[in-house]
Protein backbone atom coordinates (compact mmCIF):
# COMPACT_ATOMS: atom_id res chain seq x y z
CA MET A 1 4.41 -14.42 14.22
CA PRO A 2 0.86 -14.54 12.77
CA LEU A 3 -0.21 -11.92 10.26
CA ASP A 4 -2.36 -10.13 12.83
CA ASP A 5 0.80 -9.28 14.79
CA PHE A 6 1.79 -7.02 11.88
CA ARG A 7 -1.61 -5.29 11.80
CA ILE A 8 -1.53 -2.00 13.69
CA THR A 9 -4.77 -0.58 15.10
CA THR A 10 -5.79 2.09 17.57
CA GLY A 11 -4.47 1.61 21.08
CA LYS A 12 -1.91 -1.00 20.12
CA ARG A 13 1.60 -0.45 21.43
CA PHE A 14 3.78 0.17 18.42
CA ARG A 15 7.51 0.52 17.81
CA LEU A 16 9.15 -0.08 14.45
CA ALA A 17 12.08 -1.65 16.32
CA ASP A 18 9.78 -4.57 17.17
CA PHE A 19 9.49 -5.50 13.48
CA PRO A 20 12.80 -6.75 11.98
CA PRO A 21 12.85 -5.86 8.25
CA GLY A 22 14.60 -9.15 7.46
CA SER A 23 12.04 -11.42 9.12
CA LYS A 24 9.96 -13.86 7.06
CA PRO A 25 7.03 -14.83 9.27
CA LEU A 26 4.88 -16.26 6.47
CA SER A 27 7.60 -18.10 4.58
CA ARG A 28 7.13 -21.80 3.82
CA GLY A 29 10.87 -22.30 3.98
CA SER A 30 12.34 -21.75 0.53
CA LYS A 31 12.07 -19.05 -2.12
CA ALA A 32 10.63 -21.55 -4.60
CA GLU A 33 7.89 -22.54 -2.17
CA ASP A 34 7.08 -18.91 -1.43
CA LEU A 35 6.89 -18.07 -5.14
CA ALA A 36 4.55 -21.01 -5.66
CA LEU A 37 2.32 -19.73 -2.85
CA ILE A 38 2.30 -16.22 -4.32
CA ALA A 39 1.16 -17.70 -7.64
CA GLU A 40 -1.57 -19.68 -5.88
CA LEU A 41 -2.77 -16.63 -3.96
CA GLY A 42 -2.61 -14.60 -7.18
CA GLU A 43 -5.07 -16.94 -8.88
CA GLY A 44 -7.49 -16.55 -6.00
CA LEU A 45 -7.12 -12.77 -5.97
CA ASP A 46 -7.72 -12.65 -9.72
CA ALA A 47 -10.99 -14.53 -9.26
CA GLU A 48 -12.05 -12.30 -6.37
CA GLN A 49 -11.26 -9.18 -8.35
CA ASP A 50 -13.53 -10.36 -11.16
CA ILE A 51 -16.42 -10.74 -8.73
CA PHE A 52 -15.61 -7.45 -6.99
CA TYR A 53 -15.67 -5.61 -10.33
CA ALA A 54 -18.92 -7.27 -11.41
CA GLU A 55 -20.53 -6.48 -8.05
CA HIS A 56 -19.80 -2.81 -8.79
CA ARG A 57 -20.76 -1.65 -5.32
CA ARG A 58 -17.74 -1.28 -3.06
CA LYS A 59 -14.22 0.09 -3.52
CA LEU A 60 -10.75 -1.00 -2.41
CA LEU A 61 -7.81 1.32 -1.81
CA VAL A 62 -4.34 -0.14 -1.20
CA VAL A 63 -1.72 2.31 0.09
CA LEU A 64 1.95 1.39 -0.38
CA GLN A 65 4.44 3.49 1.57
CA GLY A 66 8.11 2.94 2.22
CA MET A 67 11.59 4.30 1.85
CA ASP A 68 13.26 4.47 -1.57
CA THR A 69 14.01 0.94 -2.90
CA SER A 70 11.58 -0.67 -0.43
CA GLY A 71 9.76 -2.21 -3.38
CA LYS A 72 6.59 -0.28 -4.07
CA ASP A 73 6.92 -0.83 -7.82
CA GLY A 74 8.00 -4.44 -7.27
CA THR A 75 4.96 -5.12 -5.11
CA VAL A 76 2.67 -3.81 -7.82
CA ARG A 77 4.33 -6.06 -10.42
CA GLY A 78 4.56 -9.09 -8.17
CA VAL A 79 1.13 -9.05 -6.53
CA PHE A 80 -1.21 -7.38 -9.03
CA ARG A 81 0.19 -8.67 -12.32
CA SER A 82 -2.75 -11.04 -12.99
CA PHE A 83 -5.48 -8.53 -12.21
CA ASP A 84 -7.81 -7.40 -14.99
CA PRO A 85 -6.72 -3.87 -16.02
CA LEU A 86 -10.39 -2.90 -16.30
CA GLY A 87 -10.79 -3.11 -12.55
CA ILE A 88 -7.49 -1.85 -11.19
CA ARG A 89 -5.60 1.42 -11.38
CA VAL A 90 -2.16 2.33 -10.01
CA VAL A 91 -1.52 5.94 -9.03
CA GLY A 92 2.01 7.18 -8.36
CA PHE A 93 2.29 10.42 -6.40
CA LYS A 94 5.31 12.60 -7.09
CA ALA A 95 6.17 16.06 -5.79
CA PRO A 96 3.02 18.21 -6.02
CA THR A 97 2.63 20.51 -9.02
CA PRO A 98 2.00 24.27 -8.66
CA ASN A 99 -1.68 23.59 -9.42
CA GLU A 100 -1.82 21.03 -6.59
CA LEU A 101 0.11 23.24 -4.18
CA ALA A 102 -2.50 25.95 -4.70
CA ARG A 103 -5.06 23.66 -3.04
CA ASP A 104 -5.22 21.69 0.17
CA TYR A 105 -2.86 18.69 0.28
CA LEU A 106 -5.71 16.14 0.16
CA TRP A 107 -7.27 17.59 -2.99
CA ARG A 108 -5.10 15.63 -5.42
CA ILE A 109 -5.58 12.48 -3.35
CA HIS A 110 -9.37 12.65 -3.35
CA LEU A 111 -9.36 12.93 -7.14
CA GLN A 112 -7.75 9.48 -7.39
CA VAL A 113 -9.72 7.37 -4.90
CA PRO A 114 -11.43 4.27 -6.35
CA ARG A 115 -14.80 4.21 -8.06
CA ALA A 116 -17.41 1.52 -7.39
CA GLY A 117 -16.01 -1.90 -8.26
CA GLU A 118 -12.47 -0.54 -8.66
CA ILE A 119 -9.22 -1.36 -6.88
CA VAL A 120 -6.75 1.52 -6.70
CA VAL A 121 -3.15 1.15 -5.56
CA PHE A 122 -1.39 4.26 -4.30
CA ASN A 123 2.37 4.17 -4.90
CA ARG A 124 3.14 6.75 -2.21
CA SER A 125 0.16 8.73 -1.00
CA HIS A 126 -1.19 11.51 1.21
CA TYR A 127 1.22 10.27 3.88
CA GLU A 128 4.06 12.04 2.09
CA ASP A 129 2.53 15.21 3.53
CA VAL A 130 3.29 14.08 7.10
CA LEU A 131 6.61 12.39 6.27
CA VAL A 132 8.81 14.41 3.88
CA THR A 133 7.34 17.67 5.15
CA ARG A 134 8.05 16.77 8.75
CA VAL A 135 11.54 15.36 8.19
CA HIS A 136 12.61 18.54 6.39
CA GLY A 137 10.94 20.88 8.86
CA TRP A 138 8.40 22.29 6.39
CA ILE A 139 5.64 21.73 8.94
CA ASP A 140 5.89 21.87 12.73
CA ASN A 141 4.53 19.36 15.25
CA ALA A 142 1.27 21.24 15.66
CA GLU A 143 0.61 21.15 11.92
CA ALA A 144 1.55 17.46 11.81
CA GLU A 145 -1.02 16.71 14.52
CA ARG A 146 -3.67 18.66 12.58
CA ARG A 147 -2.86 16.67 9.45
CA PHE A 148 -3.03 13.37 11.33
CA ARG A 149 -6.55 14.33 12.44
CA GLN A 150 -7.50 15.42 8.93
CA ILE A 151 -6.19 12.16 7.46
CA ARG A 152 -8.14 10.10 10.01
CA ASP A 153 -11.29 12.06 9.14
CA PHE A 154 -10.65 11.74 5.39
CA GLU A 155 -10.14 7.98 5.62
CA ALA A 156 -13.17 7.61 7.89
CA MET A 157 -15.30 9.39 5.30
CA LEU A 158 -14.03 7.03 2.59
CA THR A 159 -14.75 3.91 4.65
CA GLU A 160 -18.21 5.16 5.62
CA THR A 161 -19.03 5.56 1.92
CA GLY A 162 -17.97 2.06 0.89
CA THR A 163 -14.18 2.10 0.52
CA THR A 164 -12.01 -0.52 2.22
CA ILE A 165 -8.55 0.88 2.93
CA VAL A 166 -5.44 -1.28 3.37
CA LYS A 167 -2.21 0.54 4.26
CA CYS A 168 1.14 -1.25 3.94
CA PHE A 169 4.43 0.12 5.20
CA LEU A 170 7.17 -1.72 3.31
CA HIS A 171 9.79 -1.92 6.04
CA ILE A 172 13.30 -2.13 4.61
CA SER A 173 16.57 -1.92 6.55
CA ARG A 174 19.20 0.74 5.92
CA ASP A 175 21.74 -1.94 4.96
CA GLU A 176 19.38 -3.50 2.42
CA GLN A 177 18.66 -0.09 0.91
CA LYS A 178 22.40 0.45 0.54
CA ALA A 179 22.76 -2.89 -1.26
CA ARG A 180 19.91 -2.08 -3.65
CA LEU A 181 21.23 1.38 -4.45
CA GLU A 182 24.67 -0.08 -5.14
CA ALA A 183 23.09 -2.69 -7.42
CA ARG A 184 21.46 0.07 -9.43
CA LEU A 185 24.75 1.88 -9.78
CA ALA A 186 26.55 -1.30 -10.87
CA ASP A 187 24.04 -2.16 -13.61
CA PRO A 188 23.81 0.35 -16.51
CA GLU A 189 20.36 -0.99 -17.35
CA LYS A 190 19.18 0.09 -13.90
CA HIS A 191 20.68 3.58 -14.00
CA TRP A 192 17.29 4.97 -15.02
CA LYS A 193 16.06 3.96 -11.56
CA PHE A 194 18.81 5.79 -9.74
CA ASP A 195 18.18 9.27 -8.44
CA THR A 196 20.88 11.17 -6.58
CA THR A 197 18.19 12.65 -4.35
CA ASP A 198 17.81 9.14 -2.88
CA LEU A 199 21.29 9.54 -1.43
CA ALA A 200 20.40 12.90 0.06
CA GLU A 201 17.25 11.50 1.67
CA ARG A 202 19.18 8.51 2.99
CA LYS A 203 21.02 10.87 5.35
CA TYR A 204 17.71 11.46 7.13
CA TRP A 205 17.07 7.74 7.79
CA LYS A 206 16.52 8.06 11.55
CA ALA A 207 14.24 11.05 11.09
CA TYR A 208 12.18 9.14 8.52
CA MET A 209 11.84 6.13 10.83
CA ASP A 210 10.63 8.44 13.60
CA ALA A 211 8.18 10.12 11.22
CA TYR A 212 6.82 6.79 9.97
CA GLU A 213 6.42 5.52 13.51
CA ALA A 214 4.51 8.64 14.53
CA ALA A 215 2.30 8.59 11.41
CA ILE A 216 1.44 4.90 11.79
CA MET A 217 0.59 5.34 15.48
CA ALA A 218 -1.53 8.41 14.78
CA THR A 219 -3.52 7.07 11.82
CA SER A 220 -4.07 3.37 12.54
CA THR A 221 -7.70 2.55 13.26
CA PRO A 222 -9.66 -0.73 13.29
CA GLU A 223 -11.32 0.38 10.03
CA CYS A 224 -8.09 1.63 8.40
CA PRO A 225 -5.22 -0.40 9.84
CA TRP A 226 -1.58 -0.22 8.91
CA TYR A 227 0.40 -3.38 8.17
CA VAL A 228 4.14 -3.39 8.76
CA VAL A 229 5.52 -5.57 5.95
CA PRO A 230 9.15 -6.75 6.37
CA ALA A 231 10.64 -5.89 2.98
CA ASP A 232 14.30 -6.96 2.96
CA SER A 233 13.12 -10.08 1.13
CA LYS A 234 11.32 -9.11 -2.07
CA THR A 235 9.63 -12.49 -2.34
CA HIS A 236 8.38 -12.52 1.22
CA ARG A 237 7.22 -8.89 0.90
CA ASN A 238 5.01 -9.88 -2.02
CA LEU A 239 3.81 -12.97 -0.20
CA MET A 240 2.70 -10.95 2.81
CA VAL A 241 0.87 -8.34 0.73
CA ALA A 242 -0.87 -11.09 -1.25
CA GLU A 243 -1.91 -12.79 2.00
CA ILE A 244 -3.22 -9.50 3.42
CA LEU A 245 -5.36 -8.93 0.32
CA THR A 246 -6.60 -12.50 0.39
CA ARG A 247 -7.89 -11.95 3.93
CA VAL A 248 -9.45 -8.65 2.92
CA PHE A 249 -11.49 -10.37 0.22
CA GLU A 250 -12.43 -13.14 2.64
CA ASP A 251 -13.93 -10.47 4.89
CA LEU A 252 -15.60 -8.58 2.04
CA LYS A 253 -17.17 -11.69 0.50
CA PRO A 254 -17.94 -10.08 -2.88
CA ALA A 255 -20.78 -11.68 -4.84
CA TYR A 256 -21.90 -11.55 -8.45
CA PRO A 257 -25.05 -9.48 -9.01
CA PRO A 258 -28.30 -11.49 -9.07
CA PRO A 259 -29.51 -12.72 -12.46
CA LYS A 260 -31.74 -10.36 -14.42
CA PRO A 261 -35.21 -11.94 -14.76
CA GLU A 262 -35.82 -10.24 -18.08
CA LEU A 263 -32.93 -12.15 -19.64
CA ALA A 264 -34.60 -15.50 -19.04
CA LYS A 265 -36.68 -15.03 -22.18
CA VAL A 266 -33.92 -13.56 -24.32
CA LYS A 267 -32.75 -15.72 -27.23
CA VAL A 268 -29.66 -15.18 -29.28
CA GLU A 269 -30.49 -15.83 -32.94
């Protein structure tokens, strides 16, 4: 399946069941070959980021969503490791604080959107407010529909003011999540990653899949598409995200600023 088949836009028929979490549509065949391709793509992305930062005109927001253990942290490490820290920022959203709860749910999100020339990666995002809240019955369907509209409007405002938004749903299977949770329990050095609340949330798996499906259908637009990224394979997950970003930069075509005429006569003594 080509990459565009995993890109969800308005009006496109969408069911999560059509996207097997264990598929590897972009794989070259072996893990070694895929890792080599990730490294190659990483070099290109590093170069593009340098130009994007120097251009200092547009912004890029990458949203990573997924169930616990789907690899949001691993994607950040595997795809963005060579980026210049000056031009990239990773924001992890946890449960809202009392100060944040006293405001509208998008307030804390808007504070973290990228500045000119900056790439920002959201590890979880404003979508938690139409996922966790809906699964646990904290908002009803009418409120969910209002929030979908508000999110579409919010993202439209960002794109109209120079932000490119890329949203990736890291699609892991329930069996693979079980294996990863068990691996954390078996390794004392990974106990710090284990949270018993993950087990509680795991009981709501079907409800979360339904909520993700509804959110993706309601908020995918040509300007702000969702990508469903099969995530049972950590290597292929990173490969797909790297390929998505490579295509984004191909479309953006960032360019270095023009030379400054006044510097032509400057001499360094």
